[in-house]
Amino acid sequence: MTTIATAGSTDALYGVFHAGDVRVALPLDELREVIMRPPRFSALPAAADGLLGAVNLRHVVIPVLDLCRLAGFGAHDSDAAGRVIVIVAREGQVFGLLADEIEGVAKVTAEALLETHVAGDAAALFSHTFERPEDGAVVSLLNAAAIAARPGIPVVQDVGLRPPIGSGVIDASRRTVLLLQCGPVGLSMDVTHVHSVIPQLTLHPSPLDGTTCRGVVHLHGRAVPAVDPLALLGLGSLPDDGIMRGLVLATERGLVVLIVSDISDIAAVPIDDVLPLPPVGMRKDGFLDGILRLEDGRQHLLLNGAVMRADAELDTLAGLGLPLDGGDTALADEEIGAPADEGEATRETKDGRRIVARVRKFLTYHVGKEAATPLEQITEIVPYPEHAIGLDSGSELLGVFTHRRLSVPLLALGMLLGVAEPVDTGTARVLLVDTPGGDLVGFVVPALHAIEESVWEEVGPAQPGDPGAMLQRGQLVKIGTEGQGRLLPYVDLKSLVAAELAA
């Protein structure tokens, strides 16, 4: 049954996304999860307006519809839009809708919902509209039943797909945040608003220097302004103790770096653990969502990444970033040669590697050597659990622990990859990865480095069947910038999970 806010009921929560020029919403009990659009859709022996094909989601074939075409706006531009698929589940039926971007969760009162009727024989694609309070945008509430009832639209039976924790699911009960430290003050921010992380920050003097701006950082061929978040929030200033890291935000006009002392963990925290700010004493309160209370007693101010990225002062600073002489450029023709095949997105380097330009976030870490894994593969990052059951198995299985009512194995990633390296449980981190069956596997790494963006990735033969060969003969990814980046082994944790389950 669809959840619609009614008189006398509590406020209802809706997941909001946009497709083309329209913003639409679904009740959270209908929005099952959100996945990235694949390079191509599988064909279905059916013809219907807006039907793109199907995706295979954890062994369930789900038909995907183009909402823009259903609404009569024409098809998505495949090169610039339609980046995600919203999985809709209603009354035992499942289908997917192509969308451009997820915009978050809106809490809507009964009074704010306006019922809408459209003349004609066909049922309207939306049943209500509401105004989003923060920006006045008009949002239409989709009628999933009307979409599923369109002539020729295939839907599949809901077999209870469990959304991967932290995989892009709009879940009103949890949020995934990056935990930061600014001297004595703990800060945090939703990972969706983080452009990248700089593990070791070097500040250069600039005419922009002042109370808030502490200099510039050389990043992606530009001098990017770096600001003190404590000064920005009116909470003092960051101690100058020689240890600085950077959190990069993307505004409309460019990049800006927040200077922090440390970037400790990624955590999926219950939204109930975010408490409101005190009514007095907090400046720049628009930059703060509240106070995050962690299970171990630590407390962090929760930064509102969306507000910071839209702030006029930070956007002006970002626009003042200047190109560096001889700065970063794209891959030069003499470096990459001609495309491997006409129409392919791959190119070939002088040493014969086939690469594809791809910008996405990677987690870099130490495992005998520096390696990288797509951040999207990792559900959560936690410290080595204090109360884990240790197992002296003589293999990569170090122990087991319980997390979110699941039993999780702790596997030494170094040993899996052929690196004999002791694990210091006091400093190690655990990378939690979902399995197709809804369980979790924990990969233990000695130390994390950063969250960074890729420039390109190597393509071609599949990863070596022997996990121990991944670090030596596996695919590579270029991290950082083309001019100043570094080549790292690409460690596919999803394939390691599959190999462990098949063993």
Protein backbone atom coordinates (compact mmCIF):
# COMPACT_ATOMS: atom_id res chain seq x y z
CA MET A 1 0.00 0.00 0.00
CA THR A 2 1.43 3.39 -1.01
CA THR A 3 2.21 5.71 1.88
CA ILE A 4 0.52 9.07 1.34
CA ALA A 5 0.44 11.67 4.08
CA THR A 6 -3.14 12.10 5.20
CA ALA A 7 -4.84 14.37 7.68
CA GLY A 8 -3.99 13.31 11.20
CA SER A 9 -1.09 11.11 10.06
CA THR A 10 2.59 11.68 10.68
CA ASP A 11 4.65 13.36 7.99
CA ALA A 12 5.55 11.00 5.13
CA LEU A 13 9.01 10.56 3.59
CA TYR A 14 9.55 10.57 -0.18
CA GLY A 15 12.64 9.90 -2.27
CA VAL A 16 13.13 12.74 -4.78
CA PHE A 17 14.95 12.45 -8.11
CA HIS A 18 14.88 14.23 -11.42
CA ALA A 19 14.54 13.02 -14.99
CA GLY A 20 15.05 15.61 -17.69
CA ASP A 21 13.50 18.87 -16.50
CA VAL A 22 11.00 17.33 -14.07
CA ARG A 23 11.45 16.48 -10.41
CA VAL A 24 9.50 13.47 -9.23
CA ALA A 25 9.14 11.54 -6.00
CA LEU A 26 8.18 8.11 -4.74
CA PRO A 27 7.15 7.01 -1.26
CA LEU A 28 10.12 5.34 0.43
CA ASP A 29 8.18 2.09 0.76
CA GLU A 30 8.03 1.95 -3.07
CA LEU A 31 11.60 3.10 -3.79
CA ARG A 32 13.51 -0.16 -3.39
CA GLU A 33 17.01 1.02 -4.31
CA VAL A 34 19.07 3.02 -6.80
CA ILE A 35 21.72 1.49 -9.08
CA MET A 36 24.06 2.92 -11.70
CA ARG A 37 23.00 2.65 -15.32
CA PRO A 38 24.87 -0.17 -17.13
CA PRO A 39 26.67 0.47 -20.44
CA ARG A 40 23.84 -1.30 -22.27
CA PHE A 41 20.44 -2.81 -21.55
CA SER A 42 19.47 -6.40 -22.30
CA ALA A 43 16.79 -6.77 -24.95
CA LEU A 44 13.30 -8.00 -24.06
CA PRO A 45 10.80 -9.55 -26.49
CA ALA A 46 8.31 -6.77 -25.79
CA ALA A 47 7.47 -3.38 -27.28
CA ALA A 48 6.07 -0.53 -25.24
CA ASP A 49 6.47 3.23 -25.17
CA GLY A 50 9.47 4.07 -23.02
CA LEU A 51 10.78 0.50 -22.63
CA LEU A 52 14.59 0.52 -22.82
CA GLY A 53 15.28 -3.13 -22.02
CA ALA A 54 16.29 -4.88 -18.83
CA VAL A 55 19.03 -5.03 -16.19
CA ASN A 56 20.15 -8.06 -14.20
CA LEU A 57 20.04 -7.10 -10.53
CA ARG A 58 21.33 -9.90 -8.30
CA HIS A 59 19.95 -12.54 -10.68
CA VAL A 60 16.58 -10.83 -11.12
CA VAL A 61 15.82 -9.45 -14.61
CA ILE A 62 14.15 -6.06 -14.17
CA PRO A 63 12.59 -4.09 -17.07
CA VAL A 64 13.69 -0.45 -17.28
CA LEU A 65 11.54 2.43 -18.55
CA ASP A 66 12.56 5.91 -19.69
CA LEU A 67 10.40 8.25 -17.62
CA CYS A 68 11.05 11.16 -20.01
CA ARG A 69 9.59 9.19 -22.91
CA LEU A 70 6.64 8.03 -20.82
CA ALA A 71 5.90 11.66 -19.97
CA GLY A 72 6.14 12.70 -23.64
CA PHE A 73 9.38 14.71 -23.34
CA GLY A 74 11.42 12.58 -25.72
CA ALA A 75 14.24 10.17 -24.91
CA HIS A 76 17.14 10.90 -22.57
CA ASP A 77 20.40 12.07 -24.12
CA SER A 78 22.41 8.94 -23.32
CA ASP A 79 25.70 10.85 -23.21
CA ALA A 80 24.61 13.46 -20.68
CA ALA A 81 21.70 12.10 -18.68
CA GLY A 82 19.99 8.99 -17.42
CA ARG A 83 22.87 7.99 -15.14
CA VAL A 84 20.94 5.97 -12.56
CA ILE A 85 18.06 3.52 -12.39
CA VAL A 86 15.45 3.82 -9.65
CA ILE A 87 14.08 0.37 -8.73
CA VAL A 88 10.36 0.66 -7.97
CA ALA A 89 8.53 -2.04 -5.98
CA ARG A 90 4.78 -1.88 -5.45
CA GLU A 91 2.22 -4.53 -4.50
CA GLY A 92 4.46 -7.42 -5.50
CA GLN A 93 5.68 -5.92 -8.79
CA VAL A 94 9.09 -4.45 -9.66
CA PHE A 95 10.35 -2.28 -12.52
CA GLY A 96 13.06 0.32 -13.08
CA LEU A 97 12.91 4.01 -14.07
CA LEU A 98 15.79 5.79 -15.77
CA ALA A 99 16.69 9.00 -13.93
CA ASP A 100 19.40 11.63 -14.00
CA GLU A 101 20.22 12.06 -10.33
CA ILE A 102 18.93 11.29 -6.85
CA GLU A 103 18.31 14.47 -4.83
CA GLY A 104 17.59 13.02 -1.39
CA VAL A 105 14.64 12.52 0.91
CA ALA A 106 11.81 15.02 1.49
CA LYS A 107 9.53 15.05 4.51
CA VAL A 108 6.06 16.17 3.36
CA THR A 109 3.05 17.07 5.47
CA ALA A 110 -0.48 16.10 4.55
CA GLU A 111 -1.38 19.74 3.92
CA ALA A 112 1.51 20.17 1.47
CA LEU A 113 0.31 17.39 -0.86
CA LEU A 114 -2.00 18.65 -3.61
CA GLU A 115 -4.05 15.99 -5.37
CA THR A 116 -3.88 16.28 -9.15
CA HIS A 117 -6.26 15.09 -11.86
CA VAL A 118 -5.47 14.91 -15.59
CA ALA A 119 -8.24 14.78 -18.17
CA GLY A 120 -8.38 11.88 -20.60
CA ASP A 121 -8.79 8.10 -20.60
CA ALA A 122 -5.24 7.14 -19.58
CA ALA A 123 -4.30 7.26 -15.91
CA ALA A 124 -1.96 10.12 -15.03
CA LEU A 125 1.69 9.31 -14.32
CA PHE A 126 1.49 11.34 -11.10
CA SER A 127 -1.16 11.66 -8.44
CA HIS A 128 -0.05 14.64 -6.31
CA THR A 129 2.35 17.58 -6.36
CA PHE A 130 4.15 19.41 -3.57
CA GLU A 131 6.55 22.31 -3.19
CA ARG A 132 9.98 21.47 -1.82
CA PRO A 133 10.49 23.86 1.12
CA GLU A 134 14.21 24.53 0.74
CA ASP A 135 14.15 25.80 -2.85
CA GLY A 136 10.50 26.04 -3.94
CA ALA A 137 10.92 23.36 -6.63
CA VAL A 138 7.74 21.65 -7.79
CA VAL A 139 7.86 17.88 -7.24
CA SER A 140 5.36 15.44 -8.76
CA LEU A 141 4.46 12.28 -6.86
CA LEU A 142 4.63 9.36 -9.27
CA ASN A 143 1.72 6.95 -9.59
CA ALA A 144 3.59 3.65 -9.81
CA ALA A 145 0.39 1.68 -10.34
CA ALA A 146 -0.50 3.79 -13.39
CA ILE A 147 2.97 3.27 -14.88
CA ALA A 148 2.81 -0.51 -14.38
CA ALA A 149 -0.66 -0.57 -15.97
CA ARG A 150 0.47 1.10 -19.23
CA PRO A 151 -0.17 -1.13 -22.30
CA GLY A 152 2.72 -3.46 -23.05
CA ILE A 153 4.78 -2.49 -19.96
CA PRO A 154 6.43 -5.63 -18.52
CA VAL A 155 6.89 -5.89 -14.75
CA VAL A 156 8.36 -8.74 -12.74
CA GLN A 157 7.34 -10.32 -9.47
CA ASP A 158 8.97 -8.89 -6.35
CA VAL A 159 11.07 -11.67 -4.87
CA GLY A 160 12.23 -9.59 -1.91
CA LEU A 161 15.47 -8.20 -3.27
CA ARG A 162 17.47 -6.90 -0.32
CA PRO A 163 19.11 -3.56 -1.10
CA PRO A 164 22.88 -3.55 -0.57
CA ILE A 165 23.55 -1.51 2.56
CA GLY A 166 25.09 1.81 1.60
CA SER A 167 24.85 1.16 -2.17
CA GLY A 168 22.92 4.28 -3.04
CA VAL A 169 19.66 3.23 -1.42
CA ILE A 170 17.60 6.14 -0.23
CA ASP A 171 17.06 4.97 3.34
CA ALA A 172 15.54 7.44 5.74
CA SER A 173 16.90 5.51 8.71
CA ARG A 174 20.65 5.70 7.91
CA ARG A 175 23.17 8.01 6.27
CA THR A 176 26.76 7.31 5.17
CA VAL A 177 29.19 9.94 6.39
CA LEU A 178 32.89 10.74 6.30
CA LEU A 179 34.27 11.36 9.81
CA LEU A 180 36.73 14.27 10.10
CA GLN A 181 38.79 15.87 12.84
CA CYS A 182 39.67 19.57 12.96
CA GLY A 183 41.95 19.93 15.95
CA PRO A 184 39.69 19.28 18.96
CA VAL A 185 36.45 19.49 16.92
CA GLY A 186 34.94 16.47 15.21
CA LEU A 187 33.17 17.13 11.90
CA SER A 188 31.37 14.85 9.45
CA MET A 189 29.74 15.07 6.01
CA ASP A 190 27.61 12.84 3.80
CA VAL A 191 29.94 11.10 1.33
CA THR A 192 27.67 12.03 -1.59
CA HIS A 193 28.87 15.65 -1.31
CA VAL A 194 32.60 14.84 -1.19
CA HIS A 195 34.46 15.39 -4.46
CA SER A 196 37.73 13.80 -3.28
CA VAL A 197 40.16 13.64 -0.38
CA ILE A 198 43.77 14.86 -0.25
CA PRO A 199 45.78 12.62 2.11
CA GLN A 200 48.63 15.10 2.66
CA LEU A 201 48.04 18.80 2.14
CA THR A 202 50.68 21.33 1.09
CA LEU A 203 49.54 24.96 1.32
CA HIS A 204 51.01 27.69 -0.90
CA PRO A 205 50.73 31.43 -0.16
CA SER A 206 48.19 33.40 -2.14
CA PRO A 207 46.70 36.91 -2.35
CA LEU A 208 43.48 35.25 -1.13
CA ASP A 209 45.01 34.53 2.29
CA GLY A 210 42.99 35.76 5.26
CA THR A 211 41.11 34.53 8.30
CA THR A 212 39.10 31.94 6.38
CA CYS A 213 41.31 31.22 3.37
CA ARG A 214 44.67 29.84 4.47
CA GLY A 215 46.28 29.62 1.03
CA VAL A 216 45.94 27.53 -2.12
CA VAL A 217 46.49 23.89 -2.98
CA HIS A 218 47.87 22.74 -6.32
CA LEU A 219 45.20 20.35 -7.57
CA HIS A 220 44.30 19.17 -11.08
CA GLY A 221 46.53 21.84 -12.62
CA ARG A 222 44.93 24.71 -10.70
CA ALA A 223 45.63 26.76 -7.58
CA VAL A 224 42.57 25.80 -5.51
CA PRO A 225 41.64 27.94 -2.46
CA ALA A 226 41.89 26.14 0.89
CA VAL A 227 39.71 27.30 3.77
CA ASP A 228 39.68 26.71 7.52
CA PRO A 229 36.27 25.14 8.30
CA LEU A 230 36.44 26.18 11.96
CA ALA A 231 36.88 29.83 10.96
CA LEU A 232 34.08 29.43 8.43
CA LEU A 233 31.77 28.12 11.17
CA GLY A 234 32.82 30.73 13.72
CA LEU A 235 34.36 28.07 15.98
CA GLY A 236 37.92 29.38 16.23
CA SER A 237 40.72 28.27 13.93
CA LEU A 238 42.44 25.05 12.99
CA PRO A 239 45.64 24.43 15.00
CA ASP A 240 48.81 24.79 12.96
CA ASP A 241 50.41 21.52 14.07
CA GLY A 242 51.90 20.60 10.70
CA ILE A 243 49.41 17.80 9.98
CA MET A 244 46.88 18.75 7.34
CA ARG A 245 44.59 16.83 5.05
CA GLY A 246 42.06 18.14 2.56
CA LEU A 247 38.40 17.54 1.82
CA VAL A 248 37.57 18.76 -1.70
CA LEU A 249 34.12 20.16 -2.52
CA ALA A 250 32.86 20.96 -6.01
CA THR A 251 30.81 24.15 -6.39
CA GLU A 252 29.22 25.46 -9.56
CA ARG A 253 32.31 27.53 -10.45
CA GLY A 254 35.12 25.25 -9.37
CA LEU A 255 36.75 23.46 -6.44
CA VAL A 256 37.44 24.48 -2.87
CA VAL A 257 39.38 22.55 -0.19
CA LEU A 258 38.41 22.28 3.47
CA ILE A 259 41.52 21.88 5.65
CA VAL A 260 41.21 19.18 8.33
CA SER A 261 43.57 17.49 10.76
CA ASP A 262 42.47 13.96 9.98
CA ILE A 263 39.99 11.94 7.95
CA SER A 264 39.30 8.87 10.03
CA ASP A 265 36.47 6.68 8.82
CA ILE A 266 33.41 6.15 6.67
CA ALA A 267 30.39 5.13 8.74
CA ALA A 268 26.74 4.33 8.05
CA VAL A 269 24.93 5.86 11.02
CA PRO A 270 21.27 5.83 12.06
CA ILE A 271 19.63 9.14 11.28
CA ASP A 272 18.26 9.13 14.82
CA ASP A 273 21.86 9.58 15.99
CA VAL A 274 21.82 13.12 14.54
CA LEU A 275 20.61 15.51 17.23
CA PRO A 276 19.44 19.09 16.58
CA LEU A 277 21.79 22.02 17.17
CA PRO A 278 21.43 24.08 20.32
CA PRO A 279 19.16 27.10 19.76
CA VAL A 280 21.89 29.66 20.53
CA GLY A 281 25.63 30.02 20.12
CA MET A 282 26.13 28.49 16.65
CA ARG A 283 27.13 30.78 13.79
CA LYS A 284 26.65 29.80 10.15
CA ASP A 285 23.95 27.37 11.28
CA GLY A 286 22.95 26.81 7.65
CA PHE A 287 26.21 24.91 7.24
CA LEU A 288 25.31 22.45 10.01
CA ASP A 289 22.63 19.75 10.07
CA GLY A 290 23.11 18.81 13.71
CA ILE A 291 25.35 16.85 16.05
CA LEU A 292 26.19 13.25 15.18
CA ARG A 293 26.45 10.97 18.20
CA LEU A 294 28.45 7.79 17.55
CA GLU A 295 28.06 4.48 19.36
CA ASP A 296 31.49 4.82 21.00
CA GLY A 297 30.52 8.17 22.52
CA ARG A 298 32.33 10.44 20.05
CA GLN A 299 30.40 13.46 18.80
CA HIS A 300 30.80 15.22 15.46
CA LEU A 301 29.16 18.29 14.00
CA LEU A 302 27.37 17.20 10.81
CA LEU A 303 28.14 19.56 7.91
CA ASN A 304 25.42 20.20 5.34
CA GLY A 305 27.36 19.48 2.14
CA ALA A 306 24.60 20.70 -0.17
CA VAL A 307 24.40 24.09 1.56
CA MET A 308 28.19 24.49 1.59
CA ARG A 309 28.51 23.69 -2.11
CA ALA A 310 25.79 26.25 -2.90
CA ASP A 311 27.18 28.96 -0.60
CA ALA A 312 27.98 32.22 -2.45
CA GLU A 313 31.18 32.88 -0.48
CA LEU A 314 32.66 29.44 -1.12
CA ASP A 315 31.50 29.47 -4.75
CA THR A 316 33.23 32.85 -5.27
CA LEU A 317 36.44 31.49 -3.75
CA ALA A 318 36.23 28.39 -5.97
CA GLY A 319 35.87 30.61 -9.02
CA LEU A 320 39.12 32.39 -8.12
CA GLY A 321 41.22 29.27 -8.56
CA LEU A 322 43.77 29.95 -11.32
CA PRO A 323 45.43 27.55 -13.79
CA LEU A 324 49.04 26.70 -13.03
CA ASP A 325 51.67 27.12 -15.71
CA GLY A 326 52.17 23.78 -17.38
CA GLY A 327 49.29 22.39 -15.35
CA ASP A 328 47.24 19.31 -15.87
CA THR A 329 46.04 18.51 -19.36
CA ALA A 330 44.11 15.69 -20.87
CA LEU A 331 45.83 12.63 -22.28
CA ALA A 332 47.92 13.87 -25.20
CA ASP A 333 47.55 12.20 -28.58
CA GLU A 334 51.21 11.20 -28.63
CA GLU A 335 50.72 9.37 -25.33
CA ILE A 336 47.67 7.33 -26.16
CA GLY A 337 47.69 6.77 -29.90
CA ALA A 338 44.54 6.08 -31.87
CA PRO A 339 41.43 4.35 -30.57
CA ALA A 340 41.63 0.56 -30.64
CA ASP A 341 38.52 0.26 -32.79
CA GLU A 342 36.35 2.90 -34.35
CA GLY A 343 33.44 3.66 -32.05
CA GLU A 344 35.09 2.17 -28.96
CA ALA A 345 35.79 4.29 -25.92
CA THR A 346 39.10 2.48 -25.28
CA ARG A 347 42.52 3.77 -26.25
CA GLU A 348 45.97 2.23 -26.32
CA THR A 349 49.09 3.53 -24.57
CA LYS A 350 52.59 3.23 -26.00
CA ASP A 351 53.25 0.17 -23.86
CA GLY A 352 50.20 -1.59 -25.27
CA ARG A 353 47.75 -1.08 -22.41
CA ARG A 354 44.12 -0.59 -23.39
CA ILE A 355 42.56 2.15 -21.25
CA VAL A 356 39.26 3.95 -20.95
CA ALA A 357 38.88 7.49 -19.57
CA ARG A 358 36.71 7.19 -16.47
CA VAL A 359 36.32 9.53 -13.51
CA ARG A 360 34.95 7.93 -10.36
CA LYS A 361 35.86 7.76 -6.68
CA PHE A 362 38.36 5.18 -5.44
CA LEU A 363 39.46 4.27 -1.94
CA THR A 364 43.25 3.96 -1.79
CA TYR A 365 44.90 1.96 0.97
CA HIS A 366 48.04 0.08 1.96
CA VAL A 367 48.16 -3.67 1.52
CA GLY A 368 51.82 -4.49 1.09
CA LYS A 369 51.79 -1.71 -1.50
CA GLU A 370 49.31 1.04 -2.34
CA ALA A 371 46.20 -0.25 -4.09
CA ALA A 372 42.79 1.10 -5.09
CA THR A 373 39.18 -0.15 -5.07
CA PRO A 374 36.10 1.66 -6.43
CA LEU A 375 34.37 3.30 -3.48
CA GLU A 376 31.01 2.05 -4.78
CA GLN A 377 32.08 -1.53 -4.01
CA ILE A 378 32.52 -0.78 -0.30
CA THR A 379 29.44 -0.74 1.91
CA GLU A 380 31.09 0.65 5.03
CA ILE A 381 34.50 1.14 6.67
CA VAL A 382 34.90 0.38 10.37
CA PRO A 383 37.79 0.03 12.84
CA TYR A 384 38.92 -3.49 13.63
CA PRO A 385 36.18 -4.68 16.05
CA GLU A 386 37.33 -4.76 19.64
CA HIS A 387 35.19 -7.78 20.54
CA ALA A 388 35.82 -9.89 17.44
CA ILE A 389 36.22 -13.65 17.96
CA GLY A 390 39.82 -14.35 16.93
CA LEU A 391 40.53 -17.53 14.97
CA ASP A 392 43.99 -19.02 14.63
CA SER A 393 43.13 -20.80 11.40
CA GLY A 394 46.52 -20.40 9.74
CA SER A 395 44.72 -18.86 6.76
CA GLU A 396 43.48 -15.42 5.76
CA LEU A 397 40.48 -15.82 8.13
CA LEU A 398 41.43 -13.75 11.18
CA GLY A 399 38.11 -14.02 13.02
CA VAL A 400 34.42 -13.19 12.97
CA PHE A 401 32.27 -10.46 14.47
CA THR A 402 28.64 -9.36 14.41
CA HIS A 403 27.52 -6.18 12.67
CA ARG A 404 23.92 -5.11 12.08
CA ARG A 405 22.70 -8.54 13.17
CA LEU A 406 24.93 -10.26 10.60
CA SER A 407 27.90 -12.57 11.24
CA VAL A 408 30.84 -11.12 9.33
CA PRO A 409 34.12 -12.94 8.53
CA LEU A 410 37.33 -10.92 8.87
CA LEU A 411 39.68 -11.73 5.98
CA ALA A 412 43.24 -10.40 5.80
CA LEU A 413 43.26 -8.76 2.36
CA GLY A 414 47.06 -8.84 2.24
CA MET A 415 47.19 -12.62 2.66
CA LEU A 416 44.50 -13.05 0.00
CA LEU A 417 46.65 -11.00 -2.38
CA GLY A 418 49.83 -12.91 -1.56
CA VAL A 419 51.37 -10.40 0.85
CA ALA A 420 52.63 -11.84 4.15
CA GLU A 421 52.10 -8.83 6.38
CA PRO A 422 51.13 -8.79 10.07
CA VAL A 423 47.92 -6.97 10.98
CA ASP A 424 47.93 -4.47 13.83
CA THR A 425 44.33 -4.64 15.05
CA GLY A 426 44.77 -1.31 16.84
CA THR A 427 45.24 0.62 13.60
CA ALA A 428 43.73 -1.68 10.95
CA ARG A 429 40.49 -0.89 9.16
CA VAL A 430 37.81 -3.26 7.87
CA LEU A 431 36.28 -2.75 4.41
CA LEU A 432 32.76 -4.23 4.47
CA VAL A 433 31.47 -5.55 1.14
CA ASP A 434 27.99 -6.90 0.37
CA THR A 435 27.48 -10.40 -0.96
CA PRO A 436 24.76 -11.22 -3.54
CA GLY A 437 22.86 -13.07 -0.82
CA GLY A 438 22.65 -10.06 1.50
CA ASP A 439 25.52 -10.92 3.86
CA LEU A 440 28.71 -8.97 4.51
CA VAL A 441 32.39 -9.85 4.12
CA GLY A 442 35.06 -7.83 5.93
CA PHE A 443 38.47 -7.26 4.31
CA VAL A 444 41.12 -6.11 6.79
CA VAL A 445 43.73 -3.60 5.56
CA PRO A 446 46.62 -2.19 7.63
CA ALA A 447 45.98 1.47 6.76
CA LEU A 448 43.75 3.69 4.64
CA HIS A 449 45.15 6.44 2.44
CA ALA A 450 42.43 8.56 0.85
CA ILE A 451 39.34 8.87 -1.32
CA GLU A 452 40.52 10.05 -4.73
CA GLU A 453 39.25 10.27 -8.29
CA SER A 454 40.48 8.23 -11.20
CA VAL A 455 41.69 9.55 -14.56
CA TRP A 456 41.51 6.31 -16.51
CA GLU A 457 41.27 2.57 -15.97
CA GLU A 458 42.85 -0.31 -17.81
CA VAL A 459 40.47 -2.62 -19.64
CA GLY A 460 40.93 -5.87 -21.45
CA PRO A 461 41.38 -9.38 -20.04
CA ALA A 462 39.58 -10.15 -16.81
CA GLN A 463 41.40 -9.95 -13.51
CA PRO A 464 43.73 -12.92 -12.88
CA GLY A 465 41.96 -15.97 -11.53
CA ASP A 466 44.54 -16.20 -8.76
CA PRO A 467 43.89 -13.34 -6.30
CA GLY A 468 47.58 -13.36 -5.45
CA ALA A 469 48.35 -12.09 -8.95
CA MET A 470 46.12 -8.99 -8.68
CA LEU A 471 48.85 -6.78 -7.27
CA GLN A 472 51.47 -7.95 -9.78
CA ARG A 473 49.64 -8.73 -13.03
CA GLY A 474 46.17 -7.28 -12.57
CA GLN A 475 44.59 -4.23 -14.13
CA LEU A 476 45.78 -0.73 -13.26
CA VAL A 477 43.99 2.52 -12.55
CA LYS A 478 45.41 6.04 -12.88
CA ILE A 479 44.61 8.02 -9.71
CA GLY A 480 44.94 11.78 -9.20
CA THR A 481 45.69 13.74 -12.36
CA GLU A 482 47.16 12.74 -15.69
CA GLY A 483 50.21 14.91 -15.13
CA GLN A 484 50.78 14.23 -11.43
CA GLY A 485 48.85 11.04 -10.75
CA ARG A 486 50.07 7.53 -10.03
CA LEU A 487 49.35 4.05 -11.36
CA LEU A 488 47.88 1.68 -8.77
CA PRO A 489 46.73 -1.95 -8.87
CA TYR A 490 42.95 -2.19 -9.22
CA VAL A 491 41.71 -4.56 -6.50
CA ASP A 492 38.22 -5.83 -7.33
CA LEU A 493 36.74 -6.74 -3.94
CA LYS A 494 33.50 -7.93 -5.53
CA SER A 495 35.38 -10.60 -7.48
CA LEU A 496 37.22 -11.63 -4.30
CA VAL A 497 33.87 -12.05 -2.55
CA ALA A 498 32.63 -14.22 -5.42
CA ALA A 499 35.79 -16.33 -5.26
CA GLU A 500 35.46 -16.81 -1.50
CA LEU A 501 31.80 -17.84 -1.83
CA ALA A 502 32.68 -20.34 -4.57
CA ALA A 503 35.56 -21.87 -2.61
